[in-house]
Every structure is written in C-alpha cells, then in structure tokens.
Amino acid sequence: MAKAPRRRADLPVATAADDAPKARVDATAIAEHDIARRAYDLYLARGREPGHQLDDWLEAERELRSSSLASTV
C-alpha cells in the first residue's frame, strides 16, 4: 500500500516567535498551582462572591512575587 503524499498543511511552519529570543526562566518563578491556590483562598476570604477571578489571580501573583522577592534578599 502506497503512502499518501504529504499535504502542504502537514509541513511545519516557521513563525517570527521561533526566531525571537526565549524568555529566561526565573529561579524564583512561582508555580501556577500556587497562584491558583492563593487566588482560591482570596475567593473564600471574600465569602465566595463570584465575578472577581482576574482580580484574585492578579492579587495572588502580586502577593507571591513580593514574598518570593523578600525571601531571596
């Protein structure tokens, strides 16, 4: 049985992002599950009031980053 010829769509496509410098991984990077856990704690502390997911996530990131920076100094 002969293989079907490769279609043009099957070939990898190079993008500008492939040539862009890659971001360095910070040794003090905060795991996403840690942020999610803290955001959930903030949600619970507010009495489970919906509609503040982004605010909670950003606040959790801020808190964890500031505590992470303080611990590295």
PDB file of N, CA and C in Angstrom:
ATOM      1  N   MET A   1       0.852  -1.169   0.000  1.00  0.00           N
ATOM      2  CA  MET A   1       0.000   0.000   0.000  1.00  0.00           C
ATOM      3  C   MET A   1       0.902   1.236   0.000  1.00  0.00           C
ATOM      4  N   ALA A   2       0.670   2.127  -0.900  1.00  0.00           N
ATOM      5  CA  ALA A   2       1.491   3.333  -1.024  1.00  0.00           C
ATOM      6  C   ALA A   2       1.009   4.400  -0.048  1.00  0.00           C
ATOM      7  N   LYS A   3       1.971   5.142   0.479  1.00  0.00           N
ATOM      8  CA  LYS A   3       1.616   6.238   1.386  1.00  0.00           C
ATOM      9  C   LYS A   3       1.053   7.402   0.587  1.00  0.00           C
ATOM     10  N   ALA A   4       0.135   8.082   1.200  1.00  0.00           N
ATOM     11  CA  ALA A   4      -0.423   9.274   0.571  1.00  0.00           C
ATOM     12  C   ALA A   4       0.638  10.369   0.609  1.00  0.00           C
ATOM     13  N   PRO A   5       0.734  11.170  -0.423  1.00  0.00           N
ATOM     14  CA  PRO A   5       1.727  12.252  -0.410  1.00  0.00           C
ATOM     15  C   PRO A   5       1.405  13.255   0.694  1.00  0.00           C
ATOM     16  N   ARG A   6       2.462  13.842   1.269  1.00  0.00           N
ATOM     17  CA  ARG A   6       2.265  14.822   2.333  1.00  0.00           C
ATOM     18  C   ARG A   6       1.621  16.069   1.765  1.00  0.00           C
ATOM     19  N   ARG A   7       0.648  16.523   2.476  1.00  0.00           N
ATOM     20  CA  ARG A   7      -0.001  17.761   2.074  1.00  0.00           C
ATOM     21  C   ARG A   7       0.791  18.928   2.617  1.00  0.00           C
ATOM     22  N   ARG A   8       0.649  20.034   2.008  1.00  0.00           N
ATOM     23  CA  ARG A   8       1.351  21.245   2.420  1.00  0.00           C
ATOM     24  C   ARG A   8       1.012  21.607   3.872  1.00  0.00           C
ATOM     25  N   ALA A   9      -0.208  21.349   4.302  1.00  0.00           N
ATOM     26  CA  ALA A   9      -0.647  21.689   5.656  1.00  0.00           C
ATOM     27  C   ALA A   9       0.061  20.823   6.703  1.00  0.00           C
ATOM     28  N   ASP A  10       0.618  19.686   6.293  1.00  0.00           N
ATOM     29  CA  ASP A  10       1.300  18.802   7.229  1.00  0.00           C
ATOM     30  C   ASP A  10       2.722  19.273   7.555  1.00  0.00           C
ATOM     31  N   LEU A  11       3.258  20.184   6.788  1.00  0.00           N
ATOM     32  CA  LEU A  11       4.627  20.643   6.994  1.00  0.00           C
ATOM     33  C   LEU A  11       4.672  21.689   8.097  1.00  0.00           C
ATOM     34  N   PRO A  12       5.735  21.673   8.910  1.00  0.00           N
ATOM     35  CA  PRO A  12       5.842  22.688   9.965  1.00  0.00           C
ATOM     36  C   PRO A  12       6.007  24.081   9.361  1.00  0.00           C
ATOM     37  N   VAL A  13       5.483  25.040  10.061  1.00  0.00           N
ATOM     38  CA  VAL A  13       5.547  26.426   9.602  1.00  0.00           C
ATOM     39  C   VAL A  13       6.382  27.221  10.599  1.00  0.00           C
ATOM     40  N   ALA A  14       7.397  27.915  10.089  1.00  0.00           N
ATOM     41  CA  ALA A  14       8.221  28.762  10.950  1.00  0.00           C
ATOM     42  C   ALA A  14       7.498  30.086  11.167  1.00  0.00           C
ATOM     43  N   THR A  15       7.548  30.572  12.394  1.00  0.00           N
ATOM     44  CA  THR A  15       6.931  31.844  12.716  1.00  0.00           C
ATOM     45  C   THR A  15       7.974  32.787  13.282  1.00  0.00           C
ATOM     46  N   ALA A  16       7.617  34.040  13.421  1.00  0.00           N
ATOM     47  CA  ALA A  16       8.536  35.020  13.999  1.00  0.00           C
ATOM     48  C   ALA A  16       8.882  34.660  15.433  1.00  0.00           C
ATOM     49  N   ALA A  17       7.968  34.013  16.120  1.00  0.00           N
ATOM     50  CA  ALA A  17       8.215  33.617  17.506  1.00  0.00           C
ATOM     51  C   ALA A  17       9.336  32.587  17.603  1.00  0.00           C
ATOM     52  N   ASP A  18       9.531  31.798  16.533  1.00  0.00           N
ATOM     53  CA  ASP A  18      10.610  30.811  16.540  1.00  0.00           C
ATOM     54  C   ASP A  18      11.979  31.476  16.583  1.00  0.00           C
ATOM     55  N   ASP A  19      12.098  32.647  15.982  1.00  0.00           N
ATOM     56  CA  ASP A  19      13.367  33.358  15.932  1.00  0.00           C
ATOM     57  C   ASP A  19      13.543  34.341  17.087  1.00  0.00           C
ATOM     58  N   ALA A  20      12.482  34.585  17.828  1.00  0.00           N
ATOM     59  CA  ALA A  20      12.547  35.543  18.934  1.00  0.00           C
ATOM     60  C   ALA A  20      13.360  34.948  20.076  1.00  0.00           C
ATOM     61  N   PRO A  21      14.049  35.804  20.822  1.00  0.00           N
ATOM     62  CA  PRO A  21      14.792  35.284  21.972  1.00  0.00           C
ATOM     63  C   PRO A  21      13.835  34.672  22.987  1.00  0.00           C
ATOM     64  N   LYS A  22      14.245  33.578  23.542  1.00  0.00           N
ATOM     65  CA  LYS A  22      13.404  32.888  24.515  1.00  0.00           C
ATOM     66  C   LYS A  22      13.539  33.554  25.878  1.00  0.00           C
ATOM     67  N   ALA A  23      12.433  33.616  26.593  1.00  0.00           N
ATOM     68  CA  ALA A  23      12.435  34.214  27.922  1.00  0.00           C
ATOM     69  C   ALA A  23      13.202  33.302  28.873  1.00  0.00           C
ATOM     70  N   ARG A  24      13.972  33.906  29.740  1.00  0.00           N
ATOM     71  CA  ARG A  24      14.695  33.124  30.733  1.00  0.00           C
ATOM     72  C   ARG A  24      13.729  32.689  31.828  1.00  0.00           C
ATOM     73  N   VAL A  25      13.940  31.506  32.315  1.00  0.00           N
ATOM     74  CA  VAL A  25      13.122  31.017  33.418  1.00  0.00           C
ATOM     75  C   VAL A  25      13.760  31.520  34.697  1.00  0.00           C
ATOM     76  N   ASP A  26      12.988  32.215  35.475  1.00  0.00           N
ATOM     77  CA  ASP A  26      13.466  32.778  36.732  1.00  0.00           C
ATOM     78  C   ASP A  26      13.542  31.670  37.774  1.00  0.00           C
ATOM     79  N   ALA A  27      14.631  31.623  38.501  1.00  0.00           N
ATOM     80  CA  ALA A  27      14.795  30.602  39.540  1.00  0.00           C
ATOM     81  C   ALA A  27      13.750  30.763  40.632  1.00  0.00           C
ATOM     82  N   THR A  28      13.228  31.974  40.787  1.00  0.00           N
ATOM     83  CA  THR A  28      12.205  32.211  41.803  1.00  0.00           C
ATOM     84  C   THR A  28      10.805  32.212  41.202  1.00  0.00           C
ATOM     85  N   ALA A  29      10.663  31.581  40.031  1.00  0.00           N
ATOM     86  CA  ALA A  29       9.355  31.544  39.371  1.00  0.00           C
ATOM     87  C   ALA A  29       8.329  30.886  40.283  1.00  0.00           C
ATOM     88  N   ILE A  30       7.153  31.394  40.224  1.00  0.00           N
ATOM     89  CA  ILE A  30       6.072  30.894  41.067  1.00  0.00           C
ATOM     90  C   ILE A  30       5.229  29.933  40.238  1.00  0.00           C
ATOM     91  N   ALA A  31       4.958  28.774  40.783  1.00  0.00           N
ATOM     92  CA  ALA A  31       4.166  27.781  40.075  1.00  0.00           C
ATOM     93  C   ALA A  31       2.725  28.254  39.939  1.00  0.00           C
ATOM     94  N   GLU A  32       2.150  27.923  38.796  1.00  0.00           N
ATOM     95  CA  GLU A  32       0.777  28.342  38.517  1.00  0.00           C
ATOM     96  C   GLU A  32      -0.198  27.778  39.552  1.00  0.00           C
ATOM     97  N   HIS A  33       0.052  26.567  40.010  1.00  0.00           N
ATOM     98  CA  HIS A  33      -0.869  25.990  41.000  1.00  0.00           C
ATOM     99  C   HIS A  33      -0.778  26.731  42.336  1.00  0.00           C
ATOM    100  N   ASP A  34       0.372  27.338  42.643  1.00  0.00           N
ATOM    101  CA  ASP A  34       0.478  28.143  43.860  1.00  0.00           C
ATOM    102  C   ASP A  34      -0.358  29.415  43.739  1.00  0.00           C
ATOM    103  N   ILE A  35      -0.318  30.019  42.562  1.00  0.00           N
ATOM    104  CA  ILE A  35      -1.120  31.221  42.322  1.00  0.00           C
ATOM    105  C   ILE A  35      -2.606  30.868  42.394  1.00  0.00           C
ATOM    106  N   ALA A  36      -2.957  29.761  41.758  1.00  0.00           N
ATOM    107  CA  ALA A  36      -4.355  29.339  41.756  1.00  0.00           C
ATOM    108  C   ALA A  36      -4.844  29.072  43.178  1.00  0.00           C
ATOM    109  N   ARG A  37      -4.003  28.444  43.982  1.00  0.00           N
ATOM    110  CA  ARG A  37      -4.398  28.144  45.361  1.00  0.00           C
ATOM    111  C   ARG A  37      -4.615  29.432  46.157  1.00  0.00           C
ATOM    112  N   ARG A  38      -3.689  30.394  46.000  1.00  0.00           N
ATOM    113  CA  ARG A  38      -3.822  31.662  46.725  1.00  0.00           C
ATOM    114  C   ARG A  38      -5.045  32.440  46.237  1.00  0.00           C
ATOM    115  N   ALA A  39      -5.281  32.424  44.923  1.00  0.00           N
ATOM    116  CA  ALA A  39      -6.462  33.098  44.372  1.00  0.00           C
ATOM    117  C   ALA A  39      -7.737  32.480  44.935  1.00  0.00           C
ATOM    118  N   TYR A  40      -7.742  31.169  45.090  1.00  0.00           N
ATOM    119  CA  TYR A  40      -8.900  30.491  45.666  1.00  0.00           C
ATOM    120  C   TYR A  40      -9.083  30.895  47.132  1.00  0.00           C
ATOM    121  N   ASP A  41      -7.981  31.010  47.860  1.00  0.00           N
ATOM    122  CA  ASP A  41      -8.068  31.462  49.253  1.00  0.00           C
ATOM    123  C   ASP A  41      -8.661  32.866  49.338  1.00  0.00           C
ATOM    124  N   LEU A  42      -8.262  33.739  48.415  1.00  0.00           N
ATOM    125  CA  LEU A  42      -8.823  35.091  48.391  1.00  0.00           C
ATOM    126  C   LEU A  42     -10.323  35.048  48.103  1.00  0.00           C
ATOM    127  N   TYR A  43     -10.717  34.179  47.185  1.00  0.00           N
ATOM    128  CA  TYR A  43     -12.136  33.989  46.854  1.00  0.00           C
ATOM    129  C   TYR A  43     -12.927  33.548  48.092  1.00  0.00           C
ATOM    130  N   LEU A  44     -12.371  32.592  48.810  1.00  0.00           N
ATOM    131  CA  LEU A  44     -13.045  32.112  50.023  1.00  0.00           C
ATOM    132  C   LEU A  44     -13.118  33.204  51.085  1.00  0.00           C
ATOM    133  N   ALA A  45     -12.030  33.970  51.224  1.00  0.00           N
ATOM    134  CA  ALA A  45     -11.995  35.033  52.233  1.00  0.00           C
ATOM    135  C   ALA A  45     -13.033  36.117  51.934  1.00  0.00           C
ATOM    136  N   ARG A  46     -13.382  36.313  50.678  1.00  0.00           N
ATOM    137  CA  ARG A  46     -14.376  37.302  50.293  1.00  0.00           C
ATOM    138  C   ARG A  46     -15.786  36.763  50.442  1.00  0.00           C
ATOM    139  N   GLY A  47     -15.922  35.527  50.896  1.00  0.00           N
ATOM    140  CA  GLY A  47     -17.254  34.945  51.084  1.00  0.00           C
ATOM    141  C   GLY A  47     -17.795  34.288  49.828  1.00  0.00           C
ATOM    142  N   ARG A  48     -16.902  33.803  48.982  1.00  0.00           N
ATOM    143  CA  ARG A  48     -17.278  33.095  47.749  1.00  0.00           C
ATOM    144  C   ARG A  48     -18.090  33.951  46.790  1.00  0.00           C
ATOM    145  N   GLU A  49     -17.829  35.222  46.791  1.00  0.00           N
ATOM    146  CA  GLU A  49     -18.524  36.141  45.881  1.00  0.00           C
ATOM    147  C   GLU A  49     -17.938  35.983  44.479  1.00  0.00           C
ATOM    148  N   PRO A  50     -18.759  35.598  43.500  1.00  0.00           N
ATOM    149  CA  PRO A  50     -18.250  35.373  42.146  1.00  0.00           C
ATOM    150  C   PRO A  50     -17.960  36.687  41.409  1.00  0.00           C
ATOM    151  N   GLY A  51     -17.226  36.566  40.316  1.00  0.00           N
ATOM    152  CA  GLY A  51     -17.002  37.705  39.437  1.00  0.00           C
ATOM    153  C   GLY A  51     -15.693  38.440  39.659  1.00  0.00           C
ATOM    154  N   HIS A  52     -14.821  37.899  40.495  1.00  0.00           N
ATOM    155  CA  HIS A  52     -13.557  38.581  40.777  1.00  0.00           C
ATOM    156  C   HIS A  52     -12.352  37.690  40.486  1.00  0.00           C
ATOM    157  N   GLN A  53     -12.508  36.757  39.556  1.00  0.00           N
ATOM    158  CA  GLN A  53     -11.458  35.792  39.279  1.00  0.00           C
ATOM    159  C   GLN A  53     -10.147  36.467  38.882  1.00  0.00           C
ATOM    160  N   LEU A  54     -10.214  37.406  37.959  1.00  0.00           N
ATOM    161  CA  LEU A  54      -8.997  38.065  37.494  1.00  0.00           C
ATOM    162  C   LEU A  54      -8.361  38.884  38.607  1.00  0.00           C
ATOM    163  N   ASP A  55      -9.171  39.598  39.361  1.00  0.00           N
ATOM    164  CA  ASP A  55      -8.645  40.375  40.485  1.00  0.00           C
ATOM    165  C   ASP A  55      -7.937  39.466  41.491  1.00  0.00           C
ATOM    166  N   ASP A  56      -8.569  38.332  41.788  1.00  0.00           N
ATOM    167  CA  ASP A  56      -7.978  37.392  42.735  1.00  0.00           C
ATOM    168  C   ASP A  56      -6.666  36.827  42.201  1.00  0.00           C
ATOM    169  N   TRP A  57      -6.645  36.486  40.924  1.00  0.00           N
ATOM    170  CA  TRP A  57      -5.435  35.920  40.318  1.00  0.00           C
ATOM    171  C   TRP A  57      -4.290  36.935  40.371  1.00  0.00           C
ATOM    172  N   LEU A  58      -4.573  38.163  39.969  1.00  0.00           N
ATOM    173  CA  LEU A  58      -3.527  39.191  39.951  1.00  0.00           C
ATOM    174  C   LEU A  58      -3.036  39.523  41.355  1.00  0.00           C
ATOM    175  N   GLU A  59      -3.948  39.571  42.306  1.00  0.00           N
ATOM    176  CA  GLU A  59      -3.559  39.828  43.691  1.00  0.00           C
ATOM    177  C   GLU A  59      -2.704  38.675  44.232  1.00  0.00           C
ATOM    178  N   ALA A  60      -3.089  37.456  43.914  1.00  0.00           N
ATOM    179  CA  ALA A  60      -2.311  36.293  44.351  1.00  0.00           C
ATOM    180  C   ALA A  60      -0.903  36.336  43.760  1.00  0.00           C
ATOM    181  N   GLU A  61      -0.796  36.678  42.480  1.00  0.00           N
ATOM    182  CA  GLU A  61       0.528  36.809  41.848  1.00  0.00           C
ATOM    183  C   GLU A  61       1.360  37.875  42.553  1.00  0.00           C
ATOM    184  N   ARG A  62       0.733  39.019  42.808  1.00  0.00           N
ATOM    185  CA  ARG A  62       1.436  40.125  43.480  1.00  0.00           C
ATOM    186  C   ARG A  62       1.966  39.696  44.847  1.00  0.00           C
ATOM    187  N   GLU A  63       1.093  39.070  45.615  1.00  0.00           N
ATOM    188  CA  GLU A  63       1.480  38.641  46.958  1.00  0.00           C
ATOM    189  C   GLU A  63       2.620  37.622  46.921  1.00  0.00           C
ATOM    190  N   LEU A  64       2.491  36.631  46.046  1.00  0.00           N
ATOM    191  CA  LEU A  64       3.505  35.585  45.986  1.00  0.00           C
ATOM    192  C   LEU A  64       4.830  36.115  45.445  1.00  0.00           C
ATOM    193  N   ARG A  65       4.766  37.016  44.473  1.00  0.00           N
ATOM    194  CA  ARG A  65       6.010  37.594  43.943  1.00  0.00           C
ATOM    195  C   ARG A  65       6.706  38.454  44.999  1.00  0.00           C
ATOM    196  N   SER A  66       5.933  39.237  45.746  1.00  0.00           N
ATOM    197  CA  SER A  66       6.556  40.092  46.746  1.00  0.00           C
ATOM    198  C   SER A  66       7.139  39.248  47.881  1.00  0.00           C
ATOM    199  N   SER A  67       6.468  38.178  48.264  1.00  0.00           N
ATOM    200  CA  SER A  67       7.028  37.321  49.315  1.00  0.00           C
ATOM    201  C   SER A  67       8.220  36.534  48.799  1.00  0.00           C
ATOM    202  N   SER A  68       8.198  36.187  47.511  1.00  0.00           N
ATOM    203  CA  SER A  68       9.320  35.474  46.914  1.00  0.00           C
ATOM    204  C   SER A  68      10.553  36.376  46.826  1.00  0.00           C
ATOM    205  N   LEU A  69      10.343  37.630  46.433  1.00  0.00           N
ATOM    206  CA  LEU A  69      11.447  38.585  46.341  1.00  0.00           C
ATOM    207  C   LEU A  69      12.015  38.881  47.720  1.00  0.00           C
ATOM    208  N   ALA A  70      11.147  38.991  48.705  1.00  0.00           N
ATOM    209  CA  ALA A  70      11.612  39.281  50.076  1.00  0.00           C
ATOM    210  C   ALA A  70      12.430  38.120  50.627  1.00  0.00           C
ATOM    211  N   SER A  71      12.102  36.909  50.257  1.00  0.00           N
ATOM    212  CA  SER A  71      12.837  35.743  50.772  1.00  0.00           C
ATOM    213  C   SER A  71      14.183  35.546  50.092  1.00  0.00           C
ATOM    214  N   THR A  72      14.372  36.128  48.895  1.00  0.00           N
ATOM    215  CA  THR A  72      15.640  35.975  48.185  1.00  0.00           C
ATOM    216  C   THR A  72      16.639  37.053  48.587  1.00  0.00           C
ATOM    217  N   VAL A  73      16.199  38.063  49.313  1.00  0.00           N
ATOM    218  CA  VAL A  73      17.097  39.157  49.693  1.00  0.00           C
ATOM    219  C   VAL A  73      17.800  38.843  50.971  1.00  0.00           C
TER     220      VAL A  73
END
